[in-house]
Amino acid sequence: MEIRKPSEVEIEKILAHSPQAIFEGTLGEVEPTIEKAKQLVEPLLRRGVII
């Protein structure tokens, strides 16, 4: 298995799924907008955090 920083296309795919992942990860307690999810997740992805 290869672990690497995501490409721009992969970042966009991850961001598109982030609101649903946050919703499911909080057992439905939090239902973020796409904008809020991007605020939370995008800085991490841009810095190269492996998720």
PDB file of N, CA and C in Angstrom:
ATOM      1  N   MET A   1       0.838  -1.159   0.000  1.00  0.00           N
ATOM      2  CA  MET A   1       0.000   0.000   0.000  1.00  0.00           C
ATOM      3  C   MET A   1       0.895   1.238   0.000  1.00  0.00           C
ATOM      4  N   GLU A   2       0.538   2.182  -0.845  1.00  0.00           N
ATOM      5  CA  GLU A   2       1.287   3.426  -0.949  1.00  0.00           C
ATOM      6  C   GLU A   2       0.567   4.526  -0.164  1.00  0.00           C
ATOM      7  N   ILE A   3       1.298   5.237   0.662  1.00  0.00           N
ATOM      8  CA  ILE A   3       0.750   6.373   1.397  1.00  0.00           C
ATOM      9  C   ILE A   3       1.416   7.620   0.840  1.00  0.00           C
ATOM     10  N   ARG A   4       0.602   8.571   0.373  1.00  0.00           N
ATOM     11  CA  ARG A   4       1.144   9.778  -0.240  1.00  0.00           C
ATOM     12  C   ARG A   4       0.180  10.934  -0.060  1.00  0.00           C
ATOM     13  N   LYS A   5       0.655  12.121  -0.368  1.00  0.00           N
ATOM     14  CA  LYS A   5      -0.164  13.324  -0.334  1.00  0.00           C
ATOM     15  C   LYS A   5      -1.172  13.243  -1.494  1.00  0.00           C
ATOM     16  N   PRO A   6      -2.436  13.624  -1.271  1.00  0.00           N
ATOM     17  CA  PRO A   6      -3.429  13.535  -2.340  1.00  0.00           C
ATOM     18  C   PRO A   6      -3.194  14.563  -3.442  1.00  0.00           C
ATOM     19  N   SER A   7      -3.577  14.194  -4.653  1.00  0.00           N
ATOM     20  CA  SER A   7      -3.497  15.111  -5.788  1.00  0.00           C
ATOM     21  C   SER A   7      -4.638  16.120  -5.699  1.00  0.00           C
ATOM     22  N   GLU A   8      -4.627  17.132  -6.551  1.00  0.00           N
ATOM     23  CA  GLU A   8      -5.697  18.131  -6.567  1.00  0.00           C
ATOM     24  C   GLU A   8      -7.054  17.482  -6.849  1.00  0.00           C
ATOM     25  N   VAL A   9      -7.102  16.543  -7.765  1.00  0.00           N
ATOM     26  CA  VAL A   9      -8.356  15.852  -8.082  1.00  0.00           C
ATOM     27  C   VAL A   9      -8.839  15.066  -6.874  1.00  0.00           C
ATOM     28  N   GLU A  10      -7.930  14.394  -6.201  1.00  0.00           N
ATOM     29  CA  GLU A  10      -8.288  13.630  -5.009  1.00  0.00           C
ATOM     30  C   GLU A  10      -8.759  14.544  -3.877  1.00  0.00           C
ATOM     31  N   ILE A  11      -8.121  15.703  -3.738  1.00  0.00           N
ATOM     32  CA  ILE A  11      -8.544  16.665  -2.709  1.00  0.00           C
ATOM     33  C   ILE A  11      -9.991  17.077  -2.960  1.00  0.00           C
ATOM     34  N   GLU A  12     -10.333  17.367  -4.192  1.00  0.00           N
ATOM     35  CA  GLU A  12     -11.704  17.774  -4.521  1.00  0.00           C
ATOM     36  C   GLU A  12     -12.703  16.653  -4.221  1.00  0.00           C
ATOM     37  N   LYS A  13     -12.328  15.424  -4.502  1.00  0.00           N
ATOM     38  CA  LYS A  13     -13.207  14.285  -4.200  1.00  0.00           C
ATOM     39  C   LYS A  13     -13.389  14.126  -2.688  1.00  0.00           C
ATOM     40  N   ILE A  14     -12.299  14.259  -1.954  1.00  0.00           N
ATOM     41  CA  ILE A  14     -12.369  14.147  -0.491  1.00  0.00           C
ATOM     42  C   ILE A  14     -13.262  15.242   0.072  1.00  0.00           C
ATOM     43  N   LEU A  15     -13.080  16.467  -0.411  1.00  0.00           N
ATOM     44  CA  LEU A  15     -13.885  17.586   0.065  1.00  0.00           C
ATOM     45  C   LEU A  15     -15.364  17.390  -0.251  1.00  0.00           C
ATOM     46  N   ALA A  16     -15.656  16.817  -1.401  1.00  0.00           N
ATOM     47  CA  ALA A  16     -17.049  16.581  -1.783  1.00  0.00           C
ATOM     48  C   ALA A  16     -17.741  15.598  -0.842  1.00  0.00           C
ATOM     49  N   HIS A  17     -16.975  14.657  -0.284  1.00  0.00           N
ATOM     50  CA  HIS A  17     -17.538  13.646   0.616  1.00  0.00           C
ATOM     51  C   HIS A  17     -17.435  14.032   2.093  1.00  0.00           C
ATOM     52  N   SER A  18     -16.727  15.098   2.382  1.00  0.00           N
ATOM     53  CA  SER A  18     -16.478  15.482   3.778  1.00  0.00           C
ATOM     54  C   SER A  18     -17.736  15.774   4.588  1.00  0.00           C
ATOM     55  N   PRO A  19     -18.739  16.510   4.052  1.00  0.00           N
ATOM     56  CA  PRO A  19     -19.925  16.754   4.877  1.00  0.00           C
ATOM     57  C   PRO A  19     -20.613  15.462   5.325  1.00  0.00           C
ATOM     58  N   GLN A  20     -20.727  14.506   4.432  1.00  0.00           N
ATOM     59  CA  GLN A  20     -21.362  13.233   4.785  1.00  0.00           C
ATOM     60  C   GLN A  20     -20.516  12.460   5.787  1.00  0.00           C
ATOM     61  N   ALA A  21     -19.197  12.503   5.614  1.00  0.00           N
ATOM     62  CA  ALA A  21     -18.306  11.805   6.544  1.00  0.00           C
ATOM     63  C   ALA A  21     -18.396  12.413   7.943  1.00  0.00           C
ATOM     64  N   ILE A  22     -18.467  13.737   8.016  1.00  0.00           N
ATOM     65  CA  ILE A  22     -18.605  14.401   9.316  1.00  0.00           C
ATOM     66  C   ILE A  22     -19.951  14.045   9.949  1.00  0.00           C
ATOM     67  N   PHE A  23     -20.995  14.058   9.153  1.00  0.00           N
ATOM     68  CA  PHE A  23     -22.335  13.700   9.637  1.00  0.00           C
ATOM     69  C   PHE A  23     -22.343  12.289  10.209  1.00  0.00           C
ATOM     70  N   GLU A  24     -21.811  11.337   9.447  1.00  0.00           N
ATOM     71  CA  GLU A  24     -21.785   9.949   9.910  1.00  0.00           C
ATOM     72  C   GLU A  24     -20.842   9.768  11.095  1.00  0.00           C
ATOM     73  N   GLY A  25     -19.721  10.470  11.080  1.00  0.00           N
ATOM     74  CA  GLY A  25     -18.741  10.355  12.158  1.00  0.00           C
ATOM     75  C   GLY A  25     -19.234  10.906  13.487  1.00  0.00           C
ATOM     76  N   THR A  26     -20.215  11.791  13.423  1.00  0.00           N
ATOM     77  CA  THR A  26     -20.785  12.352  14.650  1.00  0.00           C
ATOM     78  C   THR A  26     -22.145  11.726  14.961  1.00  0.00           C
ATOM     79  N   LEU A  27     -22.458  10.629  14.291  1.00  0.00           N
ATOM     80  CA  LEU A  27     -23.716   9.902  14.477  1.00  0.00           C
ATOM     81  C   LEU A  27     -24.931  10.809  14.281  1.00  0.00           C
ATOM     82  N   GLY A  28     -24.801  11.719  13.310  1.00  0.00           N
ATOM     83  CA  GLY A  28     -25.915  12.582  12.960  1.00  0.00           C
ATOM     84  C   GLY A  28     -26.078  13.805  13.837  1.00  0.00           C
ATOM     85  N   GLU A  29     -25.165  14.012  14.770  1.00  0.00           N
ATOM     86  CA  GLU A  29     -25.258  15.166  15.658  1.00  0.00           C
ATOM     87  C   GLU A  29     -24.879  16.473  14.963  1.00  0.00           C
ATOM     88  N   VAL A  30     -24.010  16.384  13.954  1.00  0.00           N
ATOM     89  CA  VAL A  30     -23.541  17.562  13.230  1.00  0.00           C
ATOM     90  C   VAL A  30     -23.819  17.350  11.755  1.00  0.00           C
ATOM     91  N   GLU A  31     -24.459  18.323  11.123  1.00  0.00           N
ATOM     92  CA  GLU A  31     -24.723  18.255   9.688  1.00  0.00           C
ATOM     93  C   GLU A  31     -24.137  19.512   9.042  1.00  0.00           C
ATOM     94  N   PRO A  32     -22.824  19.476   8.743  1.00  0.00           N
ATOM     95  CA  PRO A  32     -22.162  20.676   8.248  1.00  0.00           C
ATOM     96  C   PRO A  32     -22.501  20.988   6.793  1.00  0.00           C
ATOM     97  N   THR A  33     -22.400  22.256   6.451  1.00  0.00           N
ATOM     98  CA  THR A  33     -22.519  22.655   5.050  1.00  0.00           C
ATOM     99  C   THR A  33     -21.217  22.298   4.352  1.00  0.00           C
ATOM    100  N   ILE A  34     -21.238  22.303   3.026  1.00  0.00           N
ATOM    101  CA  ILE A  34     -20.011  22.030   2.274  1.00  0.00           C
ATOM    102  C   ILE A  34     -18.948  23.082   2.597  1.00  0.00           C
ATOM    103  N   GLU A  35     -19.378  24.322   2.812  1.00  0.00           N
ATOM    104  CA  GLU A  35     -18.426  25.383   3.132  1.00  0.00           C
ATOM    105  C   GLU A  35     -17.742  25.129   4.475  1.00  0.00           C
ATOM    106  N   LYS A  36     -18.506  24.737   5.476  1.00  0.00           N
ATOM    107  CA  LYS A  36     -17.938  24.464   6.801  1.00  0.00           C
ATOM    108  C   LYS A  36     -17.012  23.249   6.752  1.00  0.00           C
ATOM    109  N   ALA A  37     -17.425  22.223   6.038  1.00  0.00           N
ATOM    110  CA  ALA A  37     -16.582  21.032   5.912  1.00  0.00           C
ATOM    111  C   ALA A  37     -15.261  21.393   5.236  1.00  0.00           C
ATOM    112  N   LYS A  38     -15.324  22.236   4.207  1.00  0.00           N
ATOM    113  CA  LYS A  38     -14.093  22.665   3.534  1.00  0.00           C
ATOM    114  C   LYS A  38     -13.199  23.446   4.486  1.00  0.00           C
ATOM    115  N   GLN A  39     -13.788  24.308   5.310  1.00  0.00           N
ATOM    116  CA  GLN A  39     -13.006  25.075   6.284  1.00  0.00           C
ATOM    117  C   GLN A  39     -12.268  24.149   7.247  1.00  0.00           C
ATOM    118  N   LEU A  40     -12.898  23.044   7.593  1.00  0.00           N
ATOM    119  CA  LEU A  40     -12.294  22.103   8.541  1.00  0.00           C
ATOM    120  C   LEU A  40     -11.247  21.197   7.895  1.00  0.00           C
ATOM    121  N   VAL A  41     -11.544  20.708   6.697  1.00  0.00           N
ATOM    122  CA  VAL A  41     -10.737  19.642   6.088  1.00  0.00           C
ATOM    123  C   VAL A  41      -9.676  20.155   5.123  1.00  0.00           C
ATOM    124  N   GLU A  42      -9.994  21.156   4.333  1.00  0.00           N
ATOM    125  CA  GLU A  42      -9.070  21.590   3.272  1.00  0.00           C
ATOM    126  C   GLU A  42      -7.697  22.022   3.781  1.00  0.00           C
ATOM    127  N   PRO A  43      -7.601  22.801   4.865  1.00  0.00           N
ATOM    128  CA  PRO A  43      -6.256  23.174   5.330  1.00  0.00           C
ATOM    129  C   PRO A  43      -5.387  21.960   5.668  1.00  0.00           C
ATOM    130  N   LEU A  44      -5.992  20.939   6.213  1.00  0.00           N
ATOM    131  CA  LEU A  44      -5.237  19.722   6.539  1.00  0.00           C
ATOM    132  C   LEU A  44      -4.733  19.039   5.280  1.00  0.00           C
ATOM    133  N   LEU A  45      -5.602  18.933   4.280  1.00  0.00           N
ATOM    134  CA  LEU A  45      -5.216  18.277   3.030  1.00  0.00           C
ATOM    135  C   LEU A  45      -4.116  19.061   2.314  1.00  0.00           C
ATOM    136  N   ARG A  46      -4.220  20.366   2.329  1.00  0.00           N
ATOM    137  CA  ARG A  46      -3.236  21.218   1.636  1.00  0.00           C
ATOM    138  C   ARG A  46      -1.864  21.137   2.297  1.00  0.00           C
ATOM    139  N   ARG A  47      -1.827  20.876   3.604  1.00  0.00           N
ATOM    140  CA  ARG A  47      -0.551  20.746   4.318  1.00  0.00           C
ATOM    141  C   ARG A  47       0.045  19.360   4.175  1.00  0.00           C
ATOM    142  N   GLY A  48      -0.734  18.442   3.618  1.00  0.00           N
ATOM    143  CA  GLY A  48      -0.197  17.113   3.390  1.00  0.00           C
ATOM    144  C   GLY A  48      -0.516  16.105   4.465  1.00  0.00           C
ATOM    145  N   VAL A  49      -1.538  16.373   5.281  1.00  0.00           N
ATOM    146  CA  VAL A  49      -1.936  15.419   6.285  1.00  0.00           C
ATOM    147  C   VAL A  49      -2.499  14.181   5.599  1.00  0.00           C
ATOM    148  N   ILE A  50      -2.074  13.036   6.036  1.00  0.00           N
ATOM    149  CA  ILE A  50      -2.562  11.775   5.473  1.00  0.00           C
ATOM    150  C   ILE A  50      -3.806  11.366   6.225  1.00  0.00           C
ATOM    151  N   ILE A  51      -4.937  11.235   5.495  1.00  0.00           N
ATOM    152  CA  ILE A  51      -6.175  10.815   6.155  1.00  0.00           C
ATOM    153  C   ILE A  51      -6.728   9.565   5.503  1.00  0.00           C
TER     154      ILE A  51
END
